Amino acid sequence: MKIAGLFNGEGFVAGLDGADQTVSHGRRYLLFILLAGLFVRLVNVLTASAIEMDGVSYALTAEAIARGAFGEAVRAVFPPFYPLFIALAHFFVGDWELAGRLASLVFGLLLIYVSYLFFKRLLGEKKALYGAFILAIHPYLVRYSGQVLSESLATFLFTATVFFFYRGWTEGKGAYVGVSGCFLGLTYLTRPEYLVFYAPFALLLVYRKRFFHTFLLFSMFVFLALAYIGYLRFETGFWMVSGKMARSPFVPLIMAVTNIPAVIYHFLAAVFPPFLLLLLVGFRSVDVRFRTMSILLVIFHVMSLSLVGHSTRRYSVEFVPFLALFVAEGIPAFLAFVGRFRYRLAVAVGVCLVFIFLPLTQAVSVNGGRGLHKKAGLFLLRESPGSKIAARLPIESFYAKGLWINLEASCVGLHECNGLLDSLSRQGARYLVLDDRIMKGCPRIKECLRGLPCIADFSDNKECVSVYRLKNE
């Protein structure tokens, strides 16, 4: 490949053998991109130290679905759609954690392909390949495609929602609007906070006086989501969009306003700074209707997320795929600009480091501390499977196939050791798992366990996890 081809204004792919060959061999390039995306995601799956915190709830809900306890699944904190796919994957792999990771992996790869199809329709094949490559190596898309979390599925569903809605809105086709409403309903059944996006989509339709299309959009929600909301009303006595809402109520309006800067910061971090630069370069080149829709969605996202009082990059990653369209549009202009420099080889190396290798270094999430909790759980699985375990995290009980007792909650208001041990005894706890964080939050707990046998210790350079046998066996 000629280095000059990298900076000819046509981009990296065109530099291989010319634009004509790019078009004729687009599928070959797409296959390479999908394989690259699969590889980095598999690395993330294989290097995972332990199941994610929310992943425990998802896996247990999936287990309830698999044994036919649908009422228990619907009553769970999180909606049941992602656990449904974990239950399906479990038929093939037989392990709940691996099933969750594979479900996320599949939808992470489907996201790349579906986004490519839309990018190709709007920007052409060359820029579609750019966009697909960005999604294949985007650090947070890679990371969540290998975790037992709903982000991968929710991102796929919300991206499909945006793409179908844009086609229906710009082409005046009600069928696409209805399909987008269906996908948004499924997104709600995956991540309930995305219910708010019916509002901006409806505003865009009403502005153009497409009232029947607005009806189609909402009818899909009524069909898919109303039964779930009704069941929550029956179980809790309150109208709410998810079971998690009872634990995370809205914050006061004044606090919501002060949360906006943090939400914006995490949103920009989710896009990832190097890609954010390309997004700004390509923003004005994208169709004004797509820009309008994107701005409106981002505004609703920031405002709604500021109301819950807690924001991380994880809550904004669903916006990355359709914003990657701006990134793909900005790549040719950026390459044309850097192509003006004299030392092209050095510039090419710098571009690869910033836009390829830097994202990949952020793609793998390693949490060694939770790996120790997994080891403790597997030890208890061999020692006494199915036991009740008092611990700060539910990870030990998940791997031990037991029941979790929240040790942190039991330590609240601890005045005497006998009170803690009696409380754990009444709850039927047979084992207690101690880690550094619980000892910091409850300094006296080590003293309370002085007379109890420590049957296992797991440690690394950062943390120590100990397993104690309680006397109420």
Protein backbone atom coordinates (compact mmCIF):
# COMPACT_ATOMS: atom_id res chain seq x y z
CA MET A 1 0.00 0.00 0.00
CA LYS A 2 1.31 3.45 -0.82
CA ILE A 3 1.56 5.88 2.06
CA ALA A 4 0.32 8.63 -0.25
CA GLY A 5 -2.93 6.76 -0.60
CA LEU A 6 -3.59 7.28 3.07
CA PHE A 7 -3.76 11.04 2.66
CA ASN A 8 -5.25 11.57 -0.78
CA GLY A 9 -8.51 12.95 0.56
CA GLU A 10 -10.24 9.65 -0.21
CA GLY A 11 -9.12 7.95 2.95
CA PHE A 12 -7.41 4.80 4.11
CA VAL A 13 -9.54 2.26 2.28
CA ALA A 14 -9.30 4.08 -1.01
CA GLY A 15 -5.54 4.09 -0.68
CA LEU A 16 -5.41 0.33 -0.97
CA ASP A 17 -6.15 0.07 -4.67
CA GLY A 18 -8.40 2.99 -5.56
CA ALA A 19 -12.01 3.93 -5.04
CA ASP A 20 -13.39 1.55 -7.64
CA GLN A 21 -11.87 -1.45 -5.96
CA THR A 22 -13.18 -0.19 -2.61
CA VAL A 23 -16.71 -0.36 -3.94
CA SER A 24 -16.28 -3.74 -5.63
CA HIS A 25 -14.58 -5.30 -2.63
CA GLY A 26 -16.64 -3.62 0.08
CA ARG A 27 -17.84 -6.93 1.45
CA ARG A 28 -14.28 -8.13 1.80
CA TYR A 29 -13.33 -5.06 3.79
CA LEU A 30 -16.49 -5.39 5.87
CA LEU A 31 -15.63 -9.02 6.66
CA PHE A 32 -12.18 -7.91 7.78
CA ILE A 33 -13.74 -5.24 10.01
CA LEU A 34 -16.18 -7.74 11.53
CA LEU A 35 -13.35 -10.19 12.21
CA ALA A 36 -11.30 -7.43 13.82
CA GLY A 37 -14.31 -6.48 15.94
CA LEU A 38 -14.83 -10.12 16.90
CA PHE A 39 -11.19 -10.53 17.87
CA VAL A 40 -10.99 -7.54 20.22
CA ARG A 41 -14.33 -8.46 21.78
CA LEU A 42 -13.24 -12.04 22.35
CA VAL A 43 -10.12 -10.75 24.08
CA ASN A 44 -12.38 -8.80 26.41
CA VAL A 45 -14.50 -11.89 27.09
CA LEU A 46 -11.49 -14.10 27.77
CA THR A 47 -9.73 -11.60 30.05
CA ALA A 48 -12.79 -10.84 32.20
CA SER A 49 -11.97 -11.40 35.85
CA ALA A 50 -15.52 -11.81 37.22
CA ILE A 51 -19.14 -11.13 36.44
CA GLU A 52 -20.30 -7.52 36.68
CA MET A 53 -22.39 -6.36 39.64
CA ASP A 54 -25.56 -5.81 37.60
CA GLY A 55 -24.68 -8.94 35.68
CA VAL A 56 -25.54 -11.03 38.73
CA SER A 57 -29.12 -9.73 38.62
CA TYR A 58 -29.35 -10.28 34.88
CA ALA A 59 -28.06 -13.85 35.18
CA LEU A 60 -30.43 -14.71 38.03
CA THR A 61 -33.36 -13.27 36.08
CA ALA A 62 -32.31 -15.35 33.07
CA GLU A 63 -32.22 -18.43 35.29
CA ALA A 64 -35.76 -17.68 36.45
CA ILE A 65 -36.89 -17.38 32.81
CA ALA A 66 -35.23 -20.69 31.95
CA ARG A 67 -37.09 -22.56 34.68
CA GLY A 68 -40.40 -20.92 33.76
CA ALA A 69 -40.66 -18.56 36.74
CA PHE A 70 -41.77 -15.62 34.60
CA GLY A 71 -43.41 -13.78 37.49
CA GLU A 72 -40.13 -13.80 39.38
CA ALA A 73 -38.32 -12.56 36.27
CA VAL A 74 -40.70 -9.64 35.76
CA ARG A 75 -40.49 -8.67 39.43
CA ALA A 76 -36.70 -8.30 39.18
CA VAL A 77 -35.04 -4.90 39.41
CA PHE A 78 -34.06 -4.92 35.74
CA PRO A 79 -36.38 -5.53 32.77
CA PRO A 80 -36.50 -9.05 31.33
CA PHE A 81 -35.57 -8.59 27.66
CA TYR A 82 -31.78 -8.91 27.97
CA PRO A 83 -32.07 -11.85 30.42
CA LEU A 84 -34.26 -13.56 27.83
CA PHE A 85 -31.30 -13.68 25.42
CA ILE A 86 -29.03 -14.90 28.22
CA ALA A 87 -31.48 -17.75 28.79
CA LEU A 88 -31.41 -18.56 25.08
CA ALA A 89 -27.61 -18.51 24.95
CA HIS A 90 -27.48 -20.75 28.02
CA PHE A 91 -28.95 -23.60 25.98
CA PHE A 92 -25.73 -23.62 23.94
CA VAL A 93 -23.00 -22.97 26.54
CA GLY A 94 -24.41 -24.18 29.88
CA ASP A 95 -22.83 -21.40 31.95
CA TRP A 96 -24.81 -18.32 32.95
CA GLU A 97 -21.92 -15.88 32.99
CA LEU A 98 -20.57 -17.04 29.63
CA ALA A 99 -24.10 -17.01 28.19
CA GLY A 100 -24.46 -13.35 29.17
CA ARG A 101 -21.12 -12.45 27.63
CA LEU A 102 -21.93 -14.27 24.39
CA ALA A 103 -25.32 -12.57 24.13
CA SER A 104 -23.60 -9.20 24.43
CA LEU A 105 -20.95 -10.27 21.92
CA VAL A 106 -23.51 -11.25 19.29
CA PHE A 107 -25.35 -7.95 19.50
CA GLY A 108 -22.06 -6.06 19.49
CA LEU A 109 -21.20 -7.61 16.13
CA LEU A 110 -24.71 -7.15 14.75
CA LEU A 111 -24.43 -3.47 15.64
CA ILE A 112 -21.41 -3.07 13.36
CA TYR A 113 -23.19 -4.70 10.42
CA VAL A 114 -26.51 -2.87 10.83
CA SER A 115 -24.73 0.47 11.20
CA TYR A 116 -22.70 -0.24 8.07
CA LEU A 117 -25.89 -0.77 6.07
CA PHE A 118 -27.31 2.56 7.17
CA PHE A 119 -24.04 4.43 6.72
CA LYS A 120 -23.77 3.00 3.22
CA ARG A 121 -27.22 4.26 2.29
CA LEU A 122 -26.56 7.76 3.60
CA LEU A 123 -22.83 8.29 2.97
CA GLY A 124 -21.75 5.69 0.42
CA GLU A 125 -19.77 2.51 0.84
CA LYS A 126 -16.36 4.03 1.49
CA LYS A 127 -17.46 6.16 4.42
CA ALA A 128 -19.67 3.33 5.63
CA LEU A 129 -16.55 1.22 6.00
CA TYR A 130 -14.94 4.03 7.96
CA GLY A 131 -17.92 4.13 10.29
CA ALA A 132 -18.02 0.36 10.70
CA PHE A 133 -14.31 0.32 11.56
CA ILE A 134 -14.82 3.01 14.20
CA LEU A 135 -17.57 0.92 15.81
CA ALA A 136 -15.39 -2.20 15.63
CA ILE A 137 -12.60 -0.61 17.69
CA HIS A 138 -14.51 1.89 19.83
CA PRO A 139 -13.28 1.11 23.35
CA TYR A 140 -16.59 1.23 25.19
CA LEU A 141 -18.53 -0.64 22.53
CA VAL A 142 -15.83 -3.31 22.66
CA ARG A 143 -15.90 -3.38 26.45
CA TYR A 144 -19.66 -3.69 26.82
CA SER A 145 -19.82 -6.30 24.07
CA GLY A 146 -18.00 -8.66 26.40
CA GLN A 147 -19.77 -7.95 29.69
CA VAL A 148 -22.90 -9.32 31.31
CA LEU A 149 -24.67 -5.99 30.97
CA SER A 150 -27.56 -4.80 28.84
CA GLU A 151 -25.57 -2.05 27.09
CA SER A 152 -24.75 -4.09 23.99
CA LEU A 153 -28.36 -5.11 23.35
CA ALA A 154 -29.72 -1.66 24.24
CA THR A 155 -27.20 0.01 21.92
CA PHE A 156 -28.20 -2.27 19.05
CA LEU A 157 -31.92 -1.68 19.60
CA PHE A 158 -31.63 2.08 20.04
CA THR A 159 -29.41 2.38 16.97
CA ALA A 160 -31.98 0.45 14.92
CA THR A 161 -34.65 2.76 16.34
CA VAL A 162 -32.80 5.87 15.18
CA PHE A 163 -31.99 4.50 11.74
CA PHE A 164 -35.52 3.27 10.99
CA PHE A 165 -37.06 6.45 12.33
CA TYR A 166 -34.79 8.61 10.19
CA ARG A 167 -35.81 6.74 7.06
CA GLY A 168 -39.49 6.93 7.93
CA TRP A 169 -39.25 10.60 8.87
CA THR A 170 -37.31 11.74 5.81
CA GLU A 171 -39.00 9.45 3.27
CA GLY A 172 -42.53 9.77 4.67
CA LYS A 173 -42.91 6.00 5.13
CA GLY A 174 -45.13 5.04 8.04
CA ALA A 175 -43.93 1.43 8.02
CA TYR A 176 -40.42 2.50 9.01
CA VAL A 177 -41.81 4.78 11.73
CA GLY A 178 -43.83 1.86 13.11
CA VAL A 179 -40.78 -0.40 13.06
CA SER A 180 -38.78 2.27 14.88
CA GLY A 181 -41.51 2.44 17.53
CA CYS A 182 -41.27 -1.33 17.91
CA PHE A 183 -37.50 -1.19 18.37
CA LEU A 184 -37.85 1.65 20.87
CA GLY A 185 -40.37 -0.43 22.82
CA LEU A 186 -37.85 -3.26 22.94
CA THR A 187 -35.18 -0.78 24.02
CA TYR A 188 -37.48 0.22 26.88
CA LEU A 189 -37.81 -3.45 27.87
CA THR A 190 -34.01 -3.52 27.99
CA ARG A 191 -33.21 -0.11 29.49
CA PRO A 192 -36.38 1.64 30.76
CA GLU A 193 -34.86 5.13 30.80
CA TYR A 194 -35.02 5.16 26.99
CA LEU A 195 -38.78 5.51 27.21
CA VAL A 196 -38.17 9.27 27.21
CA PHE A 197 -37.11 9.21 23.55
CA TYR A 198 -40.66 8.74 22.36
CA ALA A 199 -40.97 12.48 23.06
CA PRO A 200 -38.31 13.84 20.65
CA PHE A 201 -39.34 11.41 17.91
CA ALA A 202 -42.97 12.46 18.33
CA LEU A 203 -41.98 16.14 18.22
CA LEU A 204 -40.24 15.65 14.89
CA LEU A 205 -43.33 13.94 13.46
CA VAL A 206 -45.85 16.42 14.84
CA TYR A 207 -43.77 19.34 13.54
CA ARG A 208 -44.33 17.96 10.04
CA LYS A 209 -48.00 17.25 10.84
CA ARG A 210 -47.62 13.49 10.46
CA PHE A 211 -50.18 12.59 13.06
CA PHE A 212 -50.88 9.10 11.76
CA HIS A 213 -47.16 8.30 11.87
CA THR A 214 -47.10 9.59 15.44
CA PHE A 215 -49.95 7.21 16.24
CA LEU A 216 -47.97 4.34 14.71
CA LEU A 217 -44.94 5.24 16.81
CA PHE A 218 -46.89 5.17 20.08
CA SER A 219 -49.04 2.18 19.19
CA MET A 220 -45.96 -0.03 19.20
CA PHE A 221 -45.15 1.19 22.71
CA VAL A 222 -48.68 0.41 23.90
CA PHE A 223 -48.46 -3.05 22.39
CA LEU A 224 -45.03 -3.95 23.82
CA ALA A 225 -44.59 -2.02 27.03
CA LEU A 226 -47.97 -1.32 28.59
CA ALA A 227 -48.36 -4.87 29.88
CA TYR A 228 -45.00 -4.63 31.65
CA ILE A 229 -45.86 -1.26 33.22
CA GLY A 230 -49.25 -2.64 34.30
CA TYR A 231 -47.60 -5.60 36.00
CA LEU A 232 -45.24 -3.28 37.87
CA ARG A 233 -48.28 -1.30 39.01
CA PHE A 234 -49.85 -4.51 40.29
CA GLU A 235 -46.70 -5.58 42.16
CA THR A 236 -45.65 -2.23 43.66
CA GLY A 237 -48.87 -0.23 43.86
CA PHE A 238 -47.21 2.60 41.93
CA TRP A 239 -47.10 3.60 38.30
CA MET A 240 -43.44 3.35 37.24
CA VAL A 241 -41.49 2.51 34.11
CA SER A 242 -39.17 0.00 35.82
CA GLY A 243 -38.55 -1.78 39.09
CA LYS A 244 -35.23 0.04 39.43
CA MET A 245 -37.08 3.35 39.60
CA ALA A 246 -38.18 2.51 43.14
CA ARG A 247 -34.51 2.44 44.15
CA SER A 248 -33.41 5.42 42.00
CA PRO A 249 -36.11 8.11 42.20
CA PHE A 250 -35.83 11.44 40.40
CA VAL A 251 -33.84 14.21 42.08
CA PRO A 252 -35.18 17.75 42.72
CA LEU A 253 -35.09 20.13 39.77
CA ILE A 254 -32.35 22.32 41.24
CA MET A 255 -30.10 19.31 41.72
CA ALA A 256 -30.89 18.16 38.18
CA VAL A 257 -29.62 21.47 36.80
CA THR A 258 -26.37 21.09 38.72
CA ASN A 259 -26.02 17.55 37.33
CA ILE A 260 -26.04 18.71 33.70
CA PRO A 261 -22.27 19.45 33.44
CA ALA A 262 -21.40 15.99 34.78
CA VAL A 263 -23.81 14.33 32.34
CA ILE A 264 -22.31 16.28 29.42
CA TYR A 265 -18.81 15.34 30.53
CA HIS A 266 -19.64 11.63 30.65
CA PHE A 267 -21.46 11.87 27.34
CA LEU A 268 -18.40 13.37 25.62
CA ALA A 269 -16.16 10.81 27.32
CA ALA A 270 -18.39 8.01 25.99
CA VAL A 271 -17.93 9.27 22.44
CA PHE A 272 -14.15 9.12 23.15
CA PRO A 273 -11.97 12.22 22.67
CA PRO A 274 -10.09 11.23 19.46
CA PHE A 275 -13.37 10.33 17.75
CA LEU A 276 -14.98 13.47 19.12
CA LEU A 277 -12.45 15.49 17.11
CA LEU A 278 -13.45 13.68 13.91
CA LEU A 279 -17.13 14.16 14.79
CA LEU A 280 -16.65 17.92 14.95
CA VAL A 281 -14.83 17.89 11.61
CA GLY A 282 -17.62 15.98 9.86
CA PHE A 283 -20.64 17.49 11.61
CA ARG A 284 -21.52 20.16 9.06
CA SER A 285 -21.14 17.78 6.11
CA VAL A 286 -23.98 15.50 7.25
CA ASP A 287 -27.56 16.05 6.09
CA VAL A 288 -29.21 18.83 8.13
CA ARG A 289 -32.16 16.59 9.02
CA PHE A 290 -29.89 14.01 10.59
CA ARG A 291 -28.09 16.78 12.47
CA THR A 292 -31.40 18.15 13.75
CA MET A 293 -32.56 14.74 14.93
CA SER A 294 -29.24 13.99 16.61
CA ILE A 295 -29.12 17.31 18.46
CA LEU A 296 -32.67 16.82 19.73
CA LEU A 297 -31.92 13.30 20.95
CA VAL A 298 -28.77 14.44 22.74
CA ILE A 299 -30.65 17.28 24.46
CA PHE A 300 -33.34 14.90 25.73
CA HIS A 301 -30.67 12.45 26.84
CA VAL A 302 -28.76 15.03 28.86
CA MET A 303 -31.88 16.49 30.44
CA SER A 304 -33.43 13.14 31.36
CA LEU A 305 -30.21 11.66 32.73
CA SER A 306 -29.59 14.72 34.89
CA LEU A 307 -32.88 13.96 36.68
CA VAL A 308 -31.66 10.65 38.10
CA GLY A 309 -28.68 12.13 39.93
CA HIS A 310 -26.11 9.61 38.68
CA SER A 311 -24.21 9.53 35.43
CA THR A 312 -21.37 7.49 33.96
CA ARG A 313 -20.02 6.87 30.47
CA ARG A 314 -21.96 3.62 30.48
CA TYR A 315 -25.28 5.48 30.29
CA SER A 316 -24.29 7.34 27.10
CA VAL A 317 -22.67 4.58 25.07
CA GLU A 318 -25.92 3.91 23.16
CA PHE A 319 -25.38 7.20 21.33
CA VAL A 320 -22.01 6.24 19.88
CA PRO A 321 -23.18 4.28 16.78
CA PHE A 322 -25.37 6.89 15.12
CA LEU A 323 -22.94 9.66 16.11
CA ALA A 324 -20.25 7.61 14.37
CA LEU A 325 -21.89 8.73 11.13
CA PHE A 326 -20.45 12.20 11.79
CA VAL A 327 -17.08 10.62 12.55
CA ALA A 328 -17.13 8.71 9.27
CA GLU A 329 -17.94 11.92 7.41
CA GLY A 330 -15.05 13.69 9.10
CA ILE A 331 -12.37 11.10 8.34
CA PRO A 332 -11.75 12.06 4.65
CA ALA A 333 -11.49 15.75 5.54
CA PHE A 334 -9.11 14.98 8.39
CA LEU A 335 -6.94 12.76 6.20
CA ALA A 336 -6.84 15.40 3.49
CA PHE A 337 -5.66 17.93 6.08
CA VAL A 338 -2.87 15.82 7.59
CA GLY A 339 -1.84 14.79 4.06
CA ARG A 340 -0.43 18.27 3.60
CA PHE A 341 2.38 17.56 6.03
CA ARG A 342 5.81 16.75 4.66
CA TYR A 343 6.69 13.73 6.80
CA ARG A 344 3.73 11.56 5.87
CA LEU A 345 5.08 8.32 7.32
CA ALA A 346 5.53 9.89 10.75
CA VAL A 347 2.07 11.44 10.54
CA ALA A 348 0.58 8.08 9.51
CA VAL A 349 2.15 6.42 12.55
CA GLY A 350 0.79 9.18 14.79
CA VAL A 351 -2.70 8.83 13.31
CA CYS A 352 -2.66 5.07 13.88
CA LEU A 353 -1.50 5.51 17.47
CA VAL A 354 -4.19 8.06 18.33
CA PHE A 355 -7.16 6.68 16.40
CA ILE A 356 -6.50 2.92 16.48
CA PHE A 357 -4.10 1.80 19.19
CA LEU A 358 -5.25 4.25 21.87
CA PRO A 359 -8.89 3.07 21.64
CA LEU A 360 -7.78 -0.55 21.77
CA THR A 361 -5.77 0.05 24.95
CA GLN A 362 -8.97 1.29 26.62
CA ALA A 363 -11.13 -1.54 25.34
CA VAL A 364 -10.24 -4.22 27.88
CA SER A 365 -11.63 -3.74 31.38
CA VAL A 366 -9.67 -5.53 34.08
CA ASN A 367 -10.84 -5.60 37.70
CA GLY A 368 -8.54 -7.86 39.66
CA GLY A 369 -10.31 -7.19 42.95
CA ARG A 370 -13.52 -8.79 41.74
CA GLY A 371 -11.43 -11.68 40.51
CA LEU A 372 -10.65 -12.40 44.15
CA HIS A 373 -14.35 -12.40 44.95
CA LYS A 374 -14.85 -14.91 42.15
CA LYS A 375 -12.15 -17.14 43.61
CA ALA A 376 -13.85 -16.96 47.00
CA GLY A 377 -17.17 -17.87 45.40
CA LEU A 378 -15.70 -20.85 43.56
CA PHE A 379 -14.07 -21.99 46.79
CA LEU A 380 -17.44 -21.88 48.54
CA LEU A 381 -18.98 -23.77 45.63
CA ARG A 382 -16.60 -26.63 46.39
CA GLU A 383 -16.93 -26.21 50.15
CA SER A 384 -20.71 -25.94 50.51
CA PRO A 385 -22.74 -25.13 47.39
CA GLY A 386 -26.07 -23.40 47.88
CA SER A 387 -25.25 -21.87 51.26
CA LYS A 388 -26.25 -18.43 52.47
CA ILE A 389 -23.26 -16.10 52.28
CA ALA A 390 -22.89 -12.73 53.98
CA ALA A 391 -20.73 -10.49 51.80
CA ARG A 392 -20.42 -6.93 50.55
CA LEU A 393 -21.00 -8.07 46.96
CA PRO A 394 -23.33 -10.73 45.53
CA ILE A 395 -20.50 -12.17 43.44
CA GLU A 396 -19.51 -14.89 45.92
CA SER A 397 -23.06 -16.17 46.26
CA PHE A 398 -23.48 -16.17 42.47
CA TYR A 399 -20.49 -18.42 41.88
CA ALA A 400 -21.30 -20.57 44.92
CA LYS A 401 -24.90 -20.98 43.69
CA GLY A 402 -26.06 -19.74 47.06
CA LEU A 403 -28.10 -16.90 48.54
CA TRP A 404 -26.64 -13.47 49.23
CA ILE A 405 -26.98 -11.62 52.54
CA ASN A 406 -25.94 -7.97 52.31
CA LEU A 407 -23.15 -7.68 54.86
CA GLU A 408 -22.83 -3.94 54.36
CA ALA A 409 -26.48 -3.44 55.30
CA SER A 410 -26.09 -5.71 58.32
CA CYS A 411 -23.19 -3.59 59.56
CA VAL A 412 -25.22 -0.38 59.57
CA GLY A 413 -25.60 0.83 63.13
CA LEU A 414 -23.27 -1.88 64.47
CA HIS A 415 -22.79 -1.26 68.21
CA GLU A 416 -21.73 -4.68 69.45
CA CYS A 417 -20.38 -7.83 67.85
CA ASN A 418 -23.07 -10.08 69.27
CA GLY A 419 -25.71 -7.98 67.54
CA LEU A 420 -24.09 -8.49 64.13
CA LEU A 421 -23.52 -12.21 64.59
CA ASP A 422 -27.02 -12.75 65.95
CA SER A 423 -28.47 -10.88 62.96
CA LEU A 424 -26.51 -13.02 60.51
CA SER A 425 -27.51 -16.15 62.42
CA ARG A 426 -31.20 -15.27 62.20
CA GLN A 427 -30.80 -14.80 58.45
CA GLY A 428 -29.22 -18.25 58.16
CA ALA A 429 -25.76 -17.14 57.00
CA ARG A 430 -23.23 -19.97 57.05
CA TYR A 431 -20.24 -18.07 55.67
CA LEU A 432 -18.98 -14.51 55.78
CA VAL A 433 -16.70 -12.96 53.18
CA LEU A 434 -14.53 -10.08 54.34
CA ASP A 435 -12.74 -7.64 52.02
CA ASP A 436 -10.77 -4.43 52.47
CA ARG A 437 -13.66 -2.12 51.65
CA ILE A 438 -16.05 -3.61 54.19
CA MET A 439 -13.33 -3.33 56.84
CA LYS A 440 -12.93 0.37 56.06
CA GLY A 441 -16.66 0.96 56.23
CA CYS A 442 -17.09 -1.18 59.34
CA PRO A 443 -13.78 -1.09 61.26
CA ARG A 444 -15.02 -3.24 64.17
CA ILE A 445 -16.01 -6.20 62.02
CA LYS A 446 -12.55 -7.77 62.19
CA GLU A 447 -12.80 -7.77 65.97
CA CYS A 448 -16.21 -9.44 65.77
CA LEU A 449 -14.78 -12.32 63.75
CA ARG A 450 -11.82 -12.97 66.02
CA GLY A 451 -13.17 -16.21 67.41
CA LEU A 452 -14.37 -17.60 64.07
CA PRO A 453 -12.28 -19.83 61.79
CA CYS A 454 -10.88 -18.22 58.63
CA ILE A 455 -11.03 -21.05 56.12
CA ALA A 456 -9.60 -19.28 53.05
CA ASP A 457 -7.61 -16.19 52.08
CA PHE A 458 -7.22 -14.73 48.59
CA SER A 459 -5.00 -11.74 47.92
CA ASP A 460 -3.06 -9.81 45.33
CA ASN A 461 -1.02 -6.62 45.47
CA LYS A 462 -4.13 -4.47 45.97
CA GLU A 463 -6.76 -6.35 47.93
CA CYS A 464 -7.39 -9.25 50.26
CA VAL A 465 -10.55 -11.37 50.53
CA SER A 466 -11.08 -13.75 53.45
CA VAL A 467 -13.75 -16.39 54.00
CA TYR A 468 -15.00 -17.14 57.54
CA ARG A 469 -17.18 -20.01 58.67
CA LEU A 470 -19.96 -18.91 61.00
CA LYS A 471 -21.09 -21.05 63.94
CA ASN A 472 -24.71 -21.53 62.91
CA GLU A 473 -24.14 -24.49 60.60
